[in-house]
C-alpha atoms as a PDB file:
ATOM      1  CA  MET A   1     -24.416  25.217  26.739  1.00  0.00           C
ATOM      2  CA  TYR A   2     -22.064  22.702  28.056  1.00  0.00           C
ATOM      3  CA  ALA A   3     -23.439  19.964  25.330  1.00  0.00           C
ATOM      4  CA  ILE A   4     -23.062  22.104  22.546  1.00  0.00           C
ATOM      5  CA  VAL A   5     -19.492  23.538  23.905  1.00  0.00           C
ATOM      6  CA  ASP A   6     -17.603  19.788  24.947  1.00  0.00           C
ATOM      7  CA  LYS A   7     -19.091  18.195  21.378  1.00  0.00           C
ATOM      8  CA  ILE A   8     -17.823  21.069  19.293  1.00  0.00           C
ATOM      9  CA  CYS A   9     -14.086  20.810  21.443  1.00  0.00           C
ATOM     10  CA  VAL A  10     -14.768  16.753  20.795  1.00  0.00           C
ATOM     11  CA  ASN A  11     -15.309  17.208  17.824  1.00  0.00           C
ATOM     12  CA  ILE A  12     -12.158  19.923  16.801  1.00  0.00           C
ATOM     13  CA  ILE A  13      -9.373  17.230  18.642  1.00  0.00           C
ATOM     14  CA  SER A  14     -10.974  14.443  17.091  1.00  0.00           C
ATOM     15  CA  THR A  15     -10.180  16.109  13.563  1.00  0.00           C
ATOM     16  CA  LEU A  16      -7.140  17.597  14.933  1.00  0.00           C
ATOM     17  CA  TYR A  17      -5.725  13.291  16.005  1.00  0.00           C
ATOM     18  CA  GLN A  18      -7.262  11.926  12.951  1.00  0.00           C
ATOM     19  CA  TYR A  19      -5.343  13.942  10.116  1.00  0.00           C
ATOM     20  CA  LEU A  20      -2.598  15.164  12.108  1.00  0.00           C
ATOM     21  CA  PHE A  21      -0.272  11.805  11.059  1.00  0.00           C
ATOM     22  CA  VAL A  22      -1.244  12.648   7.007  1.00  0.00           C
ATOM     23  CA  SER A  23      -0.322  16.123   7.758  1.00  0.00           C
ATOM     24  CA  ILE A  24       2.475  15.998   8.947  1.00  0.00           C
ATOM     25  CA  VAL A  25       3.538  13.506   6.359  1.00  0.00           C
ATOM     26  CA  MET A  26       2.478  16.091   3.581  1.00  0.00           C
ATOM     27  CA  ALA A  27       4.264  18.581   4.929  1.00  0.00           C
ATOM     28  CA  ALA A  28       7.871  16.589   5.135  1.00  0.00           C
ATOM     29  CA  LEU A  29       7.100  15.580   1.225  1.00  0.00           C
ATOM     30  CA  PHE A  30       5.944  19.960   0.902  1.00  0.00           C
ATOM     31  CA  MET A  31       9.570  21.091   2.553  1.00  0.00           C
ATOM     32  CA  LEU A  32      11.934  17.819   0.161  1.00  0.00           C
ATOM     33  CA  LEU A  33      10.160  19.644  -2.570  1.00  0.00           C
ATOM     34  CA  TYR A  34      11.013  23.481  -0.747  1.00  0.00           C
ATOM     35  CA  THR A  35      14.209  22.448  -0.871  1.00  0.00           C
ATOM     36  CA  GLU A  36      14.691  21.563  -4.304  1.00  0.00           C
ATOM     37  CA  TRP A  37      12.672  24.911  -4.945  1.00  0.00           C
ATOM     38  CA  LYS A  38      14.662  26.674  -2.779  1.00  0.00           C
ATOM     39  CA  LYS A  39      17.924  25.161  -4.043  1.00  0.00           C
ATOM     40  CA  ILE A  40      17.079  25.551  -7.872  1.00  0.00           C
ATOM     41  CA  GLY A  41      13.290  26.637  -9.001  1.00  0.00           C
ATOM     42  CA  LEU A  42      10.115  25.947  -9.179  1.00  0.00           C
ATOM     43  CA  LYS A  43      10.308  25.407 -12.844  1.00  0.00           C
ATOM     44  CA  ALA A  44      14.329  23.654 -12.880  1.00  0.00           C
ATOM     45  CA  VAL A  45      12.608  20.926 -10.001  1.00  0.00           C
ATOM     46  CA  LEU A  46       9.335  20.057 -12.434  1.00  0.00           C
ATOM     47  CA  SER A  47      11.166  20.052 -15.523  1.00  0.00           C
ATOM     48  CA  ASN A  48      13.749  17.646 -13.946  1.00  0.00           C
ATOM     49  CA  TRP A  49      10.915  15.481 -12.783  1.00  0.00           C
ATOM     50  CA  MET A  50       9.657  15.624 -15.954  1.00  0.00           C
ATOM     51  CA  ASN A  51      13.277  14.332 -17.500  1.00  0.00           C
ATOM     52  CA  GLU A  52      13.289  11.526 -15.072  1.00  0.00           C
ATOM     53  CA  PHE A  53       9.928  10.593 -15.472  1.00  0.00           C
ATOM     54  CA  LYS A  54      10.728  10.747 -19.638  1.00  0.00           C
ATOM     55  CA  LYS A  55      13.554   8.556 -19.782  1.00  0.00           C
ATOM     56  CA  SER A  56      13.516   5.920 -17.206  1.00  0.00           C
ATOM     57  CA  LYS A  57      11.227   3.106 -16.966  1.00  0.00           C
ATOM     58  CA  GLU A  58      12.259   2.398 -13.682  1.00  0.00           C
ATOM     59  CA  TYR A  59      11.683   5.662 -12.438  1.00  0.00           C
ATOM     60  CA  ARG A  60       8.032   5.673 -13.755  1.00  0.00           C
ATOM     61  CA  ARG A  61       7.164   1.874 -12.548  1.00  0.00           C
ATOM     62  CA  ILE A  62       8.322   2.998  -9.348  1.00  0.00           C
ATOM     63  CA  TYR A  63       5.760   6.369  -9.453  1.00  0.00           C
ATOM     64  CA  ILE A  64       2.561   3.867 -10.487  1.00  0.00           C
ATOM     65  CA  LEU A  65       3.380   1.372  -7.388  1.00  0.00           C
ATOM     66  CA  ALA A  66       3.887   4.749  -5.300  1.00  0.00           C
ATOM     67  CA  VAL A  67       0.379   5.842  -6.303  1.00  0.00           C
ATOM     68  CA  TYR A  68      -1.002   2.553  -6.003  1.00  0.00           C
ATOM     69  CA  THR A  69       0.720   2.462  -2.542  1.00  0.00           C
ATOM     70  CA  CYS A  70      -0.161   5.736  -1.437  1.00  0.00           C
ATOM     71  CA  LEU A  71      -3.885   4.822  -2.505  1.00  0.00           C
ATOM     72  CA  ILE A  72      -4.220   1.720   0.250  1.00  0.00           C
ATOM     73  CA  LEU A  73      -2.935   4.240   2.656  1.00  0.00           C
ATOM     74  CA  PHE A  74      -5.705   7.053   2.591  1.00  0.00           C
ATOM     75  CA  ARG A  75      -8.477   3.494   2.587  1.00  0.00           C
ATOM     76  CA  THR A  76      -6.409   1.908   5.712  1.00  0.00           C
ATOM     77  CA  ILE A  77      -5.386   4.731   8.039  1.00  0.00           C
ATOM     78  CA  PHE A  78      -6.275   8.239   6.466  1.00  0.00           C
ATOM     79  CA  CYS A  79      -9.541   8.190   5.267  1.00  0.00           C
ATOM     80  CA  ARG A  80     -10.917   6.160   8.421  1.00  0.00           C
ATOM     81  CA  GLN A  81     -12.789   6.910  11.567  1.00  0.00           C
ATOM     82  CA  ILE A  82     -11.617   6.881  14.431  1.00  0.00           C
ATOM     83  CA  TRP A  83     -12.314   4.145  16.715  1.00  0.00           C
ATOM     84  CA  GLY A  84     -13.269   4.062  20.626  1.00  0.00           C
ATOM     85  CA  ASN A  85     -11.048   0.352  21.106  1.00  0.00           C
ATOM     86  CA  PRO A  86      -8.834  -0.255  17.942  1.00  0.00           C
ATOM     87  CA  ILE A  87      -7.819  -3.636  19.468  1.00  0.00           C
ATOM     88  CA  GLY A  88     -11.915  -4.567  20.489  1.00  0.00           C
ATOM     89  CA  ASN A  89     -11.672  -7.294  17.831  1.00  0.00           C
ATOM     90  CA  VAL A  90      -8.455  -8.587  17.756  1.00  0.00           C
ATOM     91  CA  LEU A  91      -9.845 -12.078  15.498  1.00  0.00           C
ATOM     92  CA  GLY A  92     -11.624 -10.147  13.020  1.00  0.00           C
ATOM     93  CA  ASN A  93     -14.526 -11.539  10.399  1.00  0.00           C
ATOM     94  CA  TRP A  94     -13.515 -14.582   9.030  1.00  0.00           C
ATOM     95  CA  SER A  95     -16.651 -14.706   7.277  1.00  0.00           C
ATOM     96  CA  PHE A  96     -18.954 -13.363   4.786  1.00  0.00           C
ATOM     97  CA  HIS A  97     -21.562 -11.962   7.364  1.00  0.00           C
ATOM     98  CA  PHE A  98     -21.400  -9.736  10.427  1.00  0.00           C
ATOM     99  CA  SER A  99     -22.817 -11.249  13.869  1.00  0.00           C
ATOM    100  CA  ASP A 100     -25.981  -9.455  12.678  1.00  0.00           C
ATOM    101  CA  GLY A 101     -26.493 -11.334   9.703  1.00  0.00           C
ATOM    102  CA  THR A 102     -25.646  -9.004   7.415  1.00  0.00           C
ATOM    103  CA  LEU A 103     -23.483  -9.380   4.178  1.00  0.00           C
ATOM    104  CA  SER A 104     -19.820  -9.059   4.742  1.00  0.00           C
ATOM    105  CA  THR A 105     -16.830  -8.481   1.960  1.00  0.00           C
ATOM    106  CA  GLU A 106     -13.824  -7.102   3.879  1.00  0.00           C
ATOM    107  CA  LEU A 107     -12.417 -10.656   3.273  1.00  0.00           C
ATOM    108  CA  ILE A 108     -12.781 -10.521  -0.529  1.00  0.00           C
ATOM    109  CA  GLU A 109     -11.563  -6.567  -0.366  1.00  0.00           C
ATOM    110  CA  ASN A 110      -8.431  -7.347   1.423  1.00  0.00           C
ATOM    111  CA  VAL A 111      -7.035 -10.156  -0.754  1.00  0.00           C
ATOM    112  CA  PHE A 112      -8.145  -7.757  -4.439  1.00  0.00           C
ATOM    113  CA  LEU A 113      -6.733  -4.690  -2.273  1.00  0.00           C
ATOM    114  CA  PHE A 114      -3.077  -6.539  -2.067  1.00  0.00           C
ATOM    115  CA  ILE A 115      -2.838  -8.633  -5.395  1.00  0.00           C
ATOM    116  CA  PRO A 116      -1.326  -4.514  -7.716  1.00  0.00           C
ATOM    117  CA  PHE A 117       0.397  -4.107  -5.059  1.00  0.00           C
ATOM    118  CA  SER A 118       2.600  -7.064  -4.626  1.00  0.00           C
ATOM    119  CA  MET A 119       2.809  -7.529  -8.547  1.00  0.00           C
ATOM    120  CA  LEU A 120       3.501  -3.191  -8.801  1.00  0.00           C
ATOM    121  CA  MET A 121       6.269  -3.946  -6.261  1.00  0.00           C
ATOM    122  CA  LEU A 122       7.947  -7.073  -7.549  1.00  0.00           C
ATOM    123  CA  TRP A 123       6.713  -5.392 -11.353  1.00  0.00           C
ATOM    124  CA  ALA A 124       9.203  -2.438  -9.736  1.00  0.00           C
ATOM    125  CA  LEU A 125      11.547  -3.525  -8.118  1.00  0.00           C
ATOM    126  CA  LYS A 126      12.703  -7.225  -9.082  1.00  0.00           C
ATOM    127  CA  ASP A 127      16.009  -6.468  -8.530  1.00  0.00           C
ATOM    128  CA  ARG A 128      15.927  -5.247  -5.819  1.00  0.00           C
ATOM    129  CA  ILE A 129      14.099  -7.576  -4.074  1.00  0.00           C
ATOM    130  CA  LEU A 130      14.177 -10.916  -6.157  1.00  0.00           C
ATOM    131  CA  LYS A 131      18.743 -10.125  -6.264  1.00  0.00           C
ATOM    132  CA  GLY A 132      18.458 -12.139  -9.882  1.00  0.00           C
ATOM    133  CA  LYS A 133      16.324 -15.211  -8.005  1.00  0.00           C
ATOM    134  CA  LYS A 134      13.276 -15.354 -10.405  1.00  0.00           C
ATOM    135  CA  GLY A 135      11.985 -18.915  -9.426  1.00  0.00           C
ATOM    136  CA  PHE A 136       8.246 -20.110  -8.065  1.00  0.00           C
ATOM    137  CA  LEU A 137      10.057 -19.994  -4.253  1.00  0.00           C
ATOM    138  CA  GLN A 138      11.603 -17.641  -4.322  1.00  0.00           C
ATOM    139  CA  ILE A 139       8.666 -15.219  -5.824  1.00  0.00           C
ATOM    140  CA  CYS A 140       6.675 -16.860  -2.541  1.00  0.00           C
ATOM    141  CA  TYR A 141       8.712 -16.078   0.302  1.00  0.00           C
ATOM    142  CA  ARG A 142       9.818 -12.237  -1.140  1.00  0.00           C
ATOM    143  CA  THR A 143       6.122 -11.878  -1.856  1.00  0.00           C
ATOM    144  CA  ILE A 144       4.786 -13.220   1.745  1.00  0.00           C
ATOM    145  CA  LYS A 145       7.605 -11.509   3.709  1.00  0.00           C
ATOM    146  CA  ILE A 146       7.038  -7.758   2.526  1.00  0.00           C
ATOM    147  CA  SER A 147       2.830  -8.395   2.295  1.00  0.00           C
ATOM    148  CA  ILE A 148       2.924  -9.473   5.516  1.00  0.00           C
ATOM    149  CA  LEU A 149       5.722  -6.459   7.048  1.00  0.00           C
ATOM    150  CA  PHE A 150       3.301  -4.470   5.166  1.00  0.00           C
ATOM    151  CA  SER A 151      -0.184  -5.045   6.549  1.00  0.00           C
ATOM    152  CA  LEU A 152       1.816  -5.749   9.850  1.00  0.00           C
ATOM    153  CA  SER A 153       2.834  -1.711   9.694  1.00  0.00           C
ATOM    154  CA  ILE A 154      -0.485  -0.765   9.152  1.00  0.00           C
ATOM    155  CA  GLU A 155      -3.032  -2.422  11.152  1.00  0.00           C
ATOM    156  CA  VAL A 156      -0.396  -1.120  13.664  1.00  0.00           C
ATOM    157  CA  CYS A 157      -0.671   2.813  12.568  1.00  0.00           C
ATOM    158  CA  GLN A 158      -4.300   2.130  13.193  1.00  0.00           C
ATOM    159  CA  ILE A 159      -3.695   1.128  16.454  1.00  0.00           C
ATOM    160  CA  ILE A 160      -1.463   3.838  17.436  1.00  0.00           C
ATOM    161  CA  LEU A 161      -3.617   6.565  15.348  1.00  0.00           C
ATOM    162  CA  ARG A 162      -6.962   4.582  16.801  1.00  0.00           C
ATOM    163  CA  VAL A 163      -8.552   5.443  13.423  1.00  0.00           C
ATOM    164  CA  GLY A 164      -9.617   1.406  12.445  1.00  0.00           C
ATOM    165  CA  THR A 165      -9.147  -2.025  14.656  1.00  0.00           C
ATOM    166  CA  PHE A 166      -6.521  -4.727  14.736  1.00  0.00           C
ATOM    167  CA  GLN A 167      -7.174  -7.413  13.238  1.00  0.00           C
ATOM    168  CA  ILE A 168      -5.432 -10.661  11.994  1.00  0.00           C
ATOM    169  CA  SER A 169      -7.987 -11.437   9.608  1.00  0.00           C
ATOM    170  CA  ASP A 170      -6.768  -8.209   7.571  1.00  0.00           C
ATOM    171  CA  LEU A 171      -3.297  -9.580   8.203  1.00  0.00           C
ATOM    172  CA  VAL A 172      -3.444 -12.714   6.702  1.00  0.00           C
ATOM    173  CA  SER A 173      -6.046 -11.789   4.022  1.00  0.00           C
ATOM    174  CA  ASN A 174      -3.529  -9.141   2.888  1.00  0.00           C
ATOM    175  CA  THR A 175      -0.636 -11.647   2.419  1.00  0.00           C
ATOM    176  CA  ALA A 176      -2.894 -13.883   0.327  1.00  0.00           C
ATOM    177  CA  GLY A 177      -3.393 -11.105  -1.318  1.00  0.00           C
ATOM    178  CA  GLY A 178      -0.111 -10.351  -1.841  1.00  0.00           C
ATOM    179  CA  LEU A 179       0.962 -14.030  -2.310  1.00  0.00           C
ATOM    180  CA  ILE A 180      -2.104 -14.170  -5.575  1.00  0.00           C
ATOM    181  CA  GLY A 181      -0.211 -10.925  -6.350  1.00  0.00           C
ATOM    182  CA  GLY A 182       3.291 -12.750  -6.354  1.00  0.00           C
ATOM    183  CA  ILE A 183       1.890 -16.072  -8.703  1.00  0.00           C
ATOM    184  CA  ILE A 184       0.569 -13.799 -11.176  1.00  0.00           C
ATOM    185  CA  TYR A 185       4.060 -12.047 -11.680  1.00  0.00           C
ATOM    186  CA  TRP A 186       6.267 -15.581 -11.731  1.00  0.00           C
ATOM    187  CA  GLY A 187       3.651 -16.886 -14.100  1.00  0.00           C
ATOM    188  CA  CYS A 188       3.803 -13.940 -16.793  1.00  0.00           C
ATOM    189  CA  TYR A 189       7.184 -13.335 -15.672  1.00  0.00           C
ATOM    190  CA  LYS A 190       8.114 -17.152 -17.211  1.00  0.00           C
ATOM    191  CA  LEU A 191       4.915 -16.586 -20.126  1.00  0.00           C
ATOM    192  CA  LYS A 192       7.292 -13.283 -21.192  1.00  0.00           C
ATOM    193  CA  THR A 193      10.667 -15.504 -20.987  1.00  0.00           C
ATOM    194  CA  SER A 194       9.435 -18.272 -23.370  1.00  0.00           C
ATOM    195  CA  ARG A 195       8.144 -16.310 -25.902  1.00  0.00           C
ATOM    196  CA  ALA A 196      11.481 -15.022 -25.866  1.00  0.00           C
ATOM    197  CA  GLY A 197      13.121 -17.912 -25.701  1.00  0.00           C
ATOM    198  CA  SER A 198      10.662 -18.843 -28.574  1.00  0.00           C
ATOM    199  CA  ARG A 199      11.553 -15.822 -30.655  1.00  0.00           C
ATOM    200  CA  HIS A 200      15.055 -16.104 -30.359  1.00  0.00           C
ATOM    201  CA  ILE A 201      15.040 -20.619 -31.691  1.00  0.00           C
ATOM    202  CA  SER A 202      12.500 -18.916 -34.483  1.00  0.00           C
ATOM    203  CA  MET A 203      15.329 -16.500 -35.452  1.00  0.00           C
ATOM    204  CA  GLU A 204      18.221 -19.264 -35.416  1.00  0.00           C
END
C-alpha cells in the first residue's frame, strides 16, 4: 500500500513539475488575449488579428517564425521527460553511435533543427537583426550569435526544469545548423538581388 501511494505521489509531483513552466507561459498568453477580449470583445480581437495577418507581410513572417520556435521549444523542453541528473553528460555524444553501439542521429537532428530557425529569423526580422548590413560575414556573425544564445537558453532551461541534459555537443550542433541556415539565406539573398539587377538592366 505504501509503495502504491508513494508511486502516485511521485507521478503527480513529477507531472506538475514537468508541465508547470509551459502552463505558466500558456496562462500568461491567455491572459494577454483575455485583456484585449475584455476591452473590445472576442470578435473584435479575432477581426484585428485577421486584418493584421492579411495586410502585413512582416506580421505573417513573424507568425511563421513563432510557430517554428514553438515547435523547437516543445521538442527540446515542453515534451521531454524528467531526467535524474541533467548535468550527467556535459560533453554529450560526438559520434553516430551511443556507448552501447546503437545508432545515434542526435548531432544531425540538432543541425537540421536550427537550419530553418535561422533562415526564418533572418527572413522575418532581417531589418532589426542585420540593420541594413547584409554582407556574408555580417550574416554569419549574427546567425552564430543568435543560435548560441537561443541554444544556450534551451540548455539552461533543461537544467533548471530537469527535462533533459546540458550538452556541449547540442550547443555546437545547434549553432552549426544556425550558421548553415544563415549561409543559405545569404545565398538566396544574393541570387534574388542578382536576378533583380538583371531584370533592371534588360528593361533599360
